[in-house]
Structure formats: structure tokens, C-alpha cells
Amino acid sequence: MDGDFRTNFVREGSGRSHPALVLNADFRPLSYYPLSIWPWQEAVKAVWLDRVDVVATYDEMVHSPSTEFLIPSVVVLKDYVAPQKRVAFTRFNLFLRDGFCCQYCGSRGDLTFDHVVPRARGGITSWENVVAACSPCNLRKGSKSLRQSGLNLRKPPRQPTAEQLRQVGRKFQPSHVHHTWMDYLYWDAELEA
């Protein structure tokens, strides 16, 4: 019972109130979508274990019997983590590649995925044959070819590189952005004169 309380507290309590943006040793986020953040407890633990440097902090402190810390808002890893070269073929990555919109009509809700060449007609499950589709378009297409269904693809499906997915992910603004994160999330944005 005590373990359940702690799990719920970390998930629903202060763990979400002061997240820390995690940067690679080159000062870029490990990922943009989902944004690489840690609960404040993980950030403090990484500081204590000397795995990260603190770049920015919140104005609030966390205390233990022997020490106190300003809660980190931005941390940078001391060791560089090489980005993945291979992109896993997952539902999330497929939706990210397609910008979370139907590749037939462009709508942005109720997404599923569709085989361009239906499996019933020998189509395989691959980057080059699967696209994000809304339920109405998926039902309309069914096991028909594109020509038979009267649907057209917005762009041909291709296997993305890890860098292409990172670039697409940068287009989606996170729900929580602390002002101390801005320089690290949008480091290539045009500066104001």
C-alpha cells in the first residue's frame, strides 16, 4: 500500500510540476517529440550522481536532511549520447512521419493506419506501404486500390531518417515550456532585432 501511494504521488503530484529539460552534451534536446524531460526527482538524482550539469533552475528549493538544491529546470548530460541512426517502425513514429494527419484527406483526428497496397492484395507492412489515415478514409478505402477507392495520397510514403523525424517533431509545441528552456528548444530560430 505504501508503495502504491508513492507511485501515485510521483505520477500525479509534484513530479510533473517542475520537469527538467534534458539536453545532450552538445546542448540539444535528446528528442523534440516527445520532448526529453525528466521529473524533478530524476534531475536531482542525476545531479547528485554527477551525471549532469545544471544549466538553469526554478526558483524553488528541494530539501533533504543534509543538503538543499534549487530544482533544476535545464540539465545537460556530461556524456554525449549518440542519436539513433535507425528509426523503429512504430505507430507513433508513423504518425509523426505523417505529421499526425490523414494522408488521404488531411484531417487530424481519430487516426489509424492504412496499407496503401492492401494486405489482401499482397501488400506488406512497411514504411513504404503504410500511412496514417482517419477512420472514414480507411473505411472508404477498405481493401481496394487507390484508384478503385478514388483516394489520393498527399505524399508517397517513405522510410524517414532519424533526423527527418526530429525535424518533424520540432513542429509540435510541447504543452509545458518553461521560459528557461526557450534558448535550447529554438536555438536556430531567427533572433529579434
C-alpha atoms as a PDB file:
ATOM      1  CA  MET A   1       0.000   0.000   0.000  1.00  0.00           C
ATOM      2  CA  ASP A   2       2.789   2.427   0.901  1.00  0.00           C
ATOM      3  CA  GLY A   3       4.487   1.745  -2.473  1.00  0.00           C
ATOM      4  CA  ASP A   4       1.227   2.495  -4.308  1.00  0.00           C
ATOM      5  CA  PHE A   5       0.935   5.856  -2.557  1.00  0.00           C
ATOM      6  CA  ARG A   6       4.480   6.838  -3.565  1.00  0.00           C
ATOM      7  CA  THR A   7       3.890   5.776  -7.172  1.00  0.00           C
ATOM      8  CA  ASN A   8       0.702   7.847  -7.361  1.00  0.00           C
ATOM      9  CA  PHE A   9       2.367  10.803  -5.692  1.00  0.00           C
ATOM     10  CA  VAL A  10       5.234  10.818  -8.196  1.00  0.00           C
ATOM     11  CA  ARG A  11       2.913  10.372 -11.182  1.00  0.00           C
ATOM     12  CA  GLU A  12       0.233  12.845 -10.161  1.00  0.00           C
ATOM     13  CA  GLY A  13       1.956  15.105  -7.688  1.00  0.00           C
ATOM     14  CA  SER A  14       4.990  17.331  -7.814  1.00  0.00           C
ATOM     15  CA  GLY A  15       6.852  15.144 -10.329  1.00  0.00           C
ATOM     16  CA  ARG A  16       5.019  16.911 -13.123  1.00  0.00           C
ATOM     17  CA  SER A  17       5.089  20.391 -11.645  1.00  0.00           C
ATOM     18  CA  HIS A  18       8.808  21.103 -12.191  1.00  0.00           C
ATOM     19  CA  PRO A  19      10.079  18.979 -15.091  1.00  0.00           C
ATOM     20  CA  ALA A  20      13.672  19.373 -16.230  1.00  0.00           C
ATOM     21  CA  LEU A  21      14.576  19.692 -19.891  1.00  0.00           C
ATOM     22  CA  VAL A  22      17.323  17.155 -20.650  1.00  0.00           C
ATOM     23  CA  LEU A  23      19.996  18.194 -23.139  1.00  0.00           C
ATOM     24  CA  ASN A  24      22.659  16.058 -24.733  1.00  0.00           C
ATOM     25  CA  ALA A  25      26.302  17.056 -24.207  1.00  0.00           C
ATOM     26  CA  ASP A  26      26.014  19.189 -27.385  1.00  0.00           C
ATOM     27  CA  PHE A  27      23.244  21.241 -25.687  1.00  0.00           C
ATOM     28  CA  ARG A  28      20.463  19.939 -27.945  1.00  0.00           C
ATOM     29  CA  PRO A  29      17.415  18.110 -26.538  1.00  0.00           C
ATOM     30  CA  LEU A  30      17.709  14.329 -26.700  1.00  0.00           C
ATOM     31  CA  SER A  31      14.365  14.362 -28.511  1.00  0.00           C
ATOM     32  CA  TYR A  32      11.849  17.006 -29.509  1.00  0.00           C
ATOM     33  CA  TYR A  33       8.712  14.914 -29.756  1.00  0.00           C
ATOM     34  CA  PRO A  34       8.242  13.617 -27.220  1.00  0.00           C
ATOM     35  CA  LEU A  35      10.322  16.312 -25.578  1.00  0.00           C
ATOM     36  CA  SER A  36      13.158  14.933 -23.450  1.00  0.00           C
ATOM     37  CA  ILE A  37      12.147  15.877 -19.924  1.00  0.00           C
ATOM     38  CA  TRP A  38      12.629  14.276 -16.537  1.00  0.00           C
ATOM     39  CA  PRO A  39      10.620  14.716 -13.339  1.00  0.00           C
ATOM     40  CA  TRP A  40      12.485  16.980 -10.927  1.00  0.00           C
ATOM     41  CA  GLN A  41      13.328  13.968  -8.738  1.00  0.00           C
ATOM     42  CA  GLU A  42      15.256  12.299 -11.594  1.00  0.00           C
ATOM     43  CA  ALA A  43      17.076  15.548 -12.371  1.00  0.00           C
ATOM     44  CA  VAL A  44      18.138  15.997  -8.728  1.00  0.00           C
ATOM     45  CA  LYS A  45      19.280  12.359  -8.586  1.00  0.00           C
ATOM     46  CA  ALA A  46      21.360  12.823 -11.775  1.00  0.00           C
ATOM     47  CA  VAL A  47      22.942  15.977 -10.292  1.00  0.00           C
ATOM     48  CA  TRP A  48      23.726  14.126  -7.074  1.00  0.00           C
ATOM     49  CA  LEU A  49      25.322  11.257  -9.046  1.00  0.00           C
ATOM     50  CA  ASP A  50      27.336  13.822 -11.088  1.00  0.00           C
ATOM     51  CA  ARG A  51      25.864  12.646 -14.427  1.00  0.00           C
ATOM     52  CA  VAL A  52      24.585  16.077 -15.488  1.00  0.00           C
ATOM     53  CA  ASP A  53      25.407  19.741 -15.146  1.00  0.00           C
ATOM     54  CA  VAL A  54      22.661  22.167 -14.168  1.00  0.00           C
ATOM     55  CA  VAL A  55      22.219  24.939 -16.746  1.00  0.00           C
ATOM     56  CA  ALA A  56      19.112  26.623 -15.308  1.00  0.00           C
ATOM     57  CA  THR A  57      16.942  26.253 -12.216  1.00  0.00           C
ATOM     58  CA  TYR A  58      13.491  27.032 -10.908  1.00  0.00           C
ATOM     59  CA  ASP A  59      13.167  29.487  -8.039  1.00  0.00           C
ATOM     60  CA  GLU A  60      12.100  26.723  -5.658  1.00  0.00           C
ATOM     61  CA  MET A  61      14.245  24.559  -3.410  1.00  0.00           C
ATOM     62  CA  VAL A  62      14.120  20.898  -2.521  1.00  0.00           C
ATOM     63  CA  HIS A  63      15.497  19.846   0.863  1.00  0.00           C
ATOM     64  CA  SER A  64      16.949  16.728   2.398  1.00  0.00           C
ATOM     65  CA  PRO A  65      18.212  16.354   5.991  1.00  0.00           C
ATOM     66  CA  SER A  66      21.761  17.238   4.930  1.00  0.00           C
ATOM     67  CA  THR A  67      21.505  19.414   1.819  1.00  0.00           C
ATOM     68  CA  GLU A  68      19.293  21.560  -0.333  1.00  0.00           C
ATOM     69  CA  PHE A  69      19.068  22.158  -4.080  1.00  0.00           C
ATOM     70  CA  LEU A  70      17.415  24.647  -6.354  1.00  0.00           C
ATOM     71  CA  ILE A  71      15.195  22.475  -8.550  1.00  0.00           C
ATOM     72  CA  PRO A  72      16.891  22.081 -11.967  1.00  0.00           C
ATOM     73  CA  SER A  73      14.866  23.265 -14.978  1.00  0.00           C
ATOM     74  CA  VAL A  74      17.549  22.507 -17.612  1.00  0.00           C
ATOM     75  CA  VAL A  75      20.258  19.857 -17.285  1.00  0.00           C
ATOM     76  CA  VAL A  76      22.933  18.801 -19.759  1.00  0.00           C
ATOM     77  CA  LEU A  77      24.380  15.287 -19.847  1.00  0.00           C
ATOM     78  CA  LYS A  78      28.102  15.071 -19.163  1.00  0.00           C
ATOM     79  CA  ASP A  79      28.498  12.210 -21.642  1.00  0.00           C
ATOM     80  CA  TYR A  80      27.297  12.555 -25.215  1.00  0.00           C
ATOM     81  CA  VAL A  81      24.581  10.097 -26.241  1.00  0.00           C
ATOM     82  CA  ALA A  82      24.768   9.345 -29.963  1.00  0.00           C
ATOM     83  CA  PRO A  83      21.364   9.767 -31.645  1.00  0.00           C
ATOM     84  CA  GLN A  84      19.782   6.634 -33.022  1.00  0.00           C
ATOM     85  CA  LYS A  85      20.516   6.053 -36.689  1.00  0.00           C
ATOM     86  CA  ARG A  86      17.742   3.533 -37.283  1.00  0.00           C
ATOM     87  CA  VAL A  87      14.136   4.584 -36.873  1.00  0.00           C
ATOM     88  CA  ALA A  88      11.869   1.955 -35.323  1.00  0.00           C
ATOM     89  CA  PHE A  89       8.725   1.190 -37.325  1.00  0.00           C
ATOM     90  CA  THR A  90       6.116   2.022 -34.668  1.00  0.00           C
ATOM     91  CA  ARG A  91       2.644   3.505 -34.775  1.00  0.00           C
ATOM     92  CA  PHE A  92       3.905   6.664 -33.045  1.00  0.00           C
ATOM     93  CA  ASN A  93       6.800   7.143 -35.476  1.00  0.00           C
ATOM     94  CA  LEU A  94       4.474   6.509 -38.436  1.00  0.00           C
ATOM     95  CA  PHE A  95       2.052   9.178 -37.175  1.00  0.00           C
ATOM     96  CA  LEU A  96       4.982  11.519 -36.512  1.00  0.00           C
ATOM     97  CA  ARG A  97       6.339  10.979 -40.048  1.00  0.00           C
ATOM     98  CA  ASP A  98       2.910  11.854 -41.443  1.00  0.00           C
ATOM     99  CA  GLY A  99       2.527  14.901 -39.186  1.00  0.00           C
ATOM    100  CA  PHE A 100      -0.365  13.333 -37.249  1.00  0.00           C
ATOM    101  CA  CYS A 101      -2.723  13.867 -40.187  1.00  0.00           C
ATOM    102  CA  CYS A 102      -4.566  11.599 -42.599  1.00  0.00           C
ATOM    103  CA  GLN A 103      -2.538  11.091 -45.761  1.00  0.00           C
ATOM    104  CA  TYR A 104      -5.726  10.982 -47.847  1.00  0.00           C
ATOM    105  CA  CYS A 105      -7.815  13.944 -46.649  1.00  0.00           C
ATOM    106  CA  GLY A 106      -5.509  15.827 -44.250  1.00  0.00           C
ATOM    107  CA  SER A 107      -7.743  15.598 -41.161  1.00  0.00           C
ATOM    108  CA  ARG A 108      -6.075  15.479 -37.750  1.00  0.00           C
ATOM    109  CA  GLY A 109      -8.267  13.320 -35.557  1.00  0.00           C
ATOM    110  CA  ASP A 110      -9.231   9.718 -34.953  1.00  0.00           C
ATOM    111  CA  LEU A 111      -6.130   8.347 -36.728  1.00  0.00           C
ATOM    112  CA  THR A 112      -5.394   4.761 -37.566  1.00  0.00           C
ATOM    113  CA  PHE A 113      -3.099   3.378 -40.227  1.00  0.00           C
ATOM    114  CA  ASP A 114      -3.762   2.028 -43.695  1.00  0.00           C
ATOM    115  CA  HIS A 115      -1.892  -0.247 -46.093  1.00  0.00           C
ATOM    116  CA  VAL A 116      -1.650   1.586 -49.428  1.00  0.00           C
ATOM    117  CA  VAL A 117      -1.497  -1.757 -51.225  1.00  0.00           C
ATOM    118  CA  PRO A 118      -3.934  -3.765 -49.083  1.00  0.00           C
ATOM    119  CA  ARG A 119      -2.617  -6.840 -47.316  1.00  0.00           C
ATOM    120  CA  ALA A 120      -5.397  -8.812 -49.010  1.00  0.00           C
ATOM    121  CA  ARG A 121      -3.702  -7.908 -52.326  1.00  0.00           C
ATOM    122  CA  GLY A 122      -0.174  -8.823 -51.209  1.00  0.00           C
ATOM    123  CA  GLY A 123       0.783  -5.512 -49.578  1.00  0.00           C
ATOM    124  CA  ILE A 124       3.331  -5.693 -46.791  1.00  0.00           C
ATOM    125  CA  THR A 125       3.575  -3.799 -43.534  1.00  0.00           C
ATOM    126  CA  SER A 126       6.472  -1.432 -44.178  1.00  0.00           C
ATOM    127  CA  TRP A 127       7.348   2.249 -44.154  1.00  0.00           C
ATOM    128  CA  GLU A 128       6.766   2.364 -47.908  1.00  0.00           C
ATOM    129  CA  ASN A 129       3.273   0.838 -47.770  1.00  0.00           C
ATOM    130  CA  VAL A 130       1.653   2.123 -44.564  1.00  0.00           C
ATOM    131  CA  VAL A 131       0.276   5.623 -43.968  1.00  0.00           C
ATOM    132  CA  ALA A 132      -1.679   7.439 -41.273  1.00  0.00           C
ATOM    133  CA  ALA A 133      -5.375   7.545 -42.150  1.00  0.00           C
ATOM    134  CA  CYS A 134      -8.526   8.797 -40.473  1.00  0.00           C
ATOM    135  CA  SER A 135     -11.218   6.214 -39.825  1.00  0.00           C
ATOM    136  CA  PRO A 136     -13.604   7.469 -42.543  1.00  0.00           C
ATOM    137  CA  CYS A 137     -10.875   7.332 -45.236  1.00  0.00           C
ATOM    138  CA  ASN A 138      -9.661   3.955 -44.001  1.00  0.00           C
ATOM    139  CA  LEU A 139     -13.200   2.565 -44.179  1.00  0.00           C
ATOM    140  CA  ARG A 140     -13.761   4.127 -47.600  1.00  0.00           C
ATOM    141  CA  LYS A 141     -10.579   2.559 -48.961  1.00  0.00           C
ATOM    142  CA  GLY A 142     -11.014  -0.836 -47.331  1.00  0.00           C
ATOM    143  CA  SER A 143      -9.176  -3.484 -49.347  1.00  0.00           C
ATOM    144  CA  LYS A 144      -9.437  -1.537 -52.608  1.00  0.00           C
ATOM    145  CA  SER A 145      -6.592   0.001 -54.563  1.00  0.00           C
ATOM    146  CA  LEU A 146      -6.145   3.767 -54.507  1.00  0.00           C
ATOM    147  CA  ARG A 147      -7.675   4.078 -57.968  1.00  0.00           C
ATOM    148  CA  GLN A 148     -10.704   1.925 -57.060  1.00  0.00           C
ATOM    149  CA  SER A 149     -11.324   3.913 -53.884  1.00  0.00           C
ATOM    150  CA  GLY A 150     -10.933   7.313 -55.555  1.00  0.00           C
ATOM    151  CA  LEU A 151      -8.453   8.419 -52.876  1.00  0.00           C
ATOM    152  CA  ASN A 152      -5.092  10.067 -53.492  1.00  0.00           C
ATOM    153  CA  LEU A 153      -2.037  10.211 -51.248  1.00  0.00           C
ATOM    154  CA  ARG A 154      -0.846  13.629 -50.124  1.00  0.00           C
ATOM    155  CA  LYS A 155       2.756  12.384 -50.404  1.00  0.00           C
ATOM    156  CA  PRO A 156       4.301   8.993 -51.154  1.00  0.00           C
ATOM    157  CA  PRO A 157       5.223   7.004 -48.023  1.00  0.00           C
ATOM    158  CA  ARG A 158       8.963   6.626 -47.412  1.00  0.00           C
ATOM    159  CA  GLN A 159      11.125   5.402 -44.569  1.00  0.00           C
ATOM    160  CA  PRO A 160      12.230   8.500 -42.628  1.00  0.00           C
ATOM    161  CA  THR A 161      15.676   9.077 -41.246  1.00  0.00           C
ATOM    162  CA  ALA A 162      16.099   9.828 -37.554  1.00  0.00           C
ATOM    163  CA  GLU A 163      16.939  13.441 -38.453  1.00  0.00           C
ATOM    164  CA  GLN A 164      13.758  13.795 -40.537  1.00  0.00           C
ATOM    165  CA  LEU A 165      11.662  12.606 -37.581  1.00  0.00           C
ATOM    166  CA  ARG A 166      13.484  15.039 -35.273  1.00  0.00           C
ATOM    167  CA  GLN A 167      12.704  17.886 -37.667  1.00  0.00           C
ATOM    168  CA  VAL A 168       9.018  16.924 -37.845  1.00  0.00           C
ATOM    169  CA  GLY A 169       8.898  16.616 -34.049  1.00  0.00           C
ATOM    170  CA  ARG A 170      10.181  20.177 -33.650  1.00  0.00           C
ATOM    171  CA  LYS A 171       6.995  21.451 -35.311  1.00  0.00           C
ATOM    172  CA  PHE A 172       4.872  20.267 -32.377  1.00  0.00           C
ATOM    173  CA  GLN A 173       4.985  22.677 -29.442  1.00  0.00           C
ATOM    174  CA  PRO A 174       5.151  20.884 -26.082  1.00  0.00           C
ATOM    175  CA  SER A 175       2.285  21.518 -23.666  1.00  0.00           C
ATOM    176  CA  HIS A 176       4.630  22.852 -20.988  1.00  0.00           C
ATOM    177  CA  VAL A 177       7.553  25.135 -21.852  1.00  0.00           C
ATOM    178  CA  HIS A 178       9.367  26.890 -19.035  1.00  0.00           C
ATOM    179  CA  HIS A 179      10.996  30.192 -20.016  1.00  0.00           C
ATOM    180  CA  THR A 180      14.454  28.762 -19.186  1.00  0.00           C
ATOM    181  CA  TRP A 181      14.026  26.144 -21.935  1.00  0.00           C
ATOM    182  CA  MET A 182      13.492  28.556 -24.828  1.00  0.00           C
ATOM    183  CA  ASP A 183      17.128  29.048 -25.816  1.00  0.00           C
ATOM    184  CA  TYR A 184      17.640  25.294 -26.051  1.00  0.00           C
ATOM    185  CA  LEU A 185      14.446  24.361 -27.867  1.00  0.00           C
ATOM    186  CA  TYR A 186      14.564  27.051 -30.502  1.00  0.00           C
ATOM    187  CA  TRP A 187      18.310  27.679 -30.795  1.00  0.00           C
ATOM    188  CA  ASP A 188      18.097  28.034 -34.590  1.00  0.00           C
ATOM    189  CA  ALA A 189      15.122  30.422 -34.575  1.00  0.00           C
ATOM    190  CA  GLU A 190      15.605  33.866 -36.030  1.00  0.00           C
ATOM    191  CA  LEU A 191      16.619  36.403 -33.399  1.00  0.00           C
ATOM    192  CA  GLU A 192      14.695  39.615 -32.883  1.00  0.00           C
ATOM    193  CA  ALA A 193      16.491  42.810 -33.915  1.00  0.00           C
END
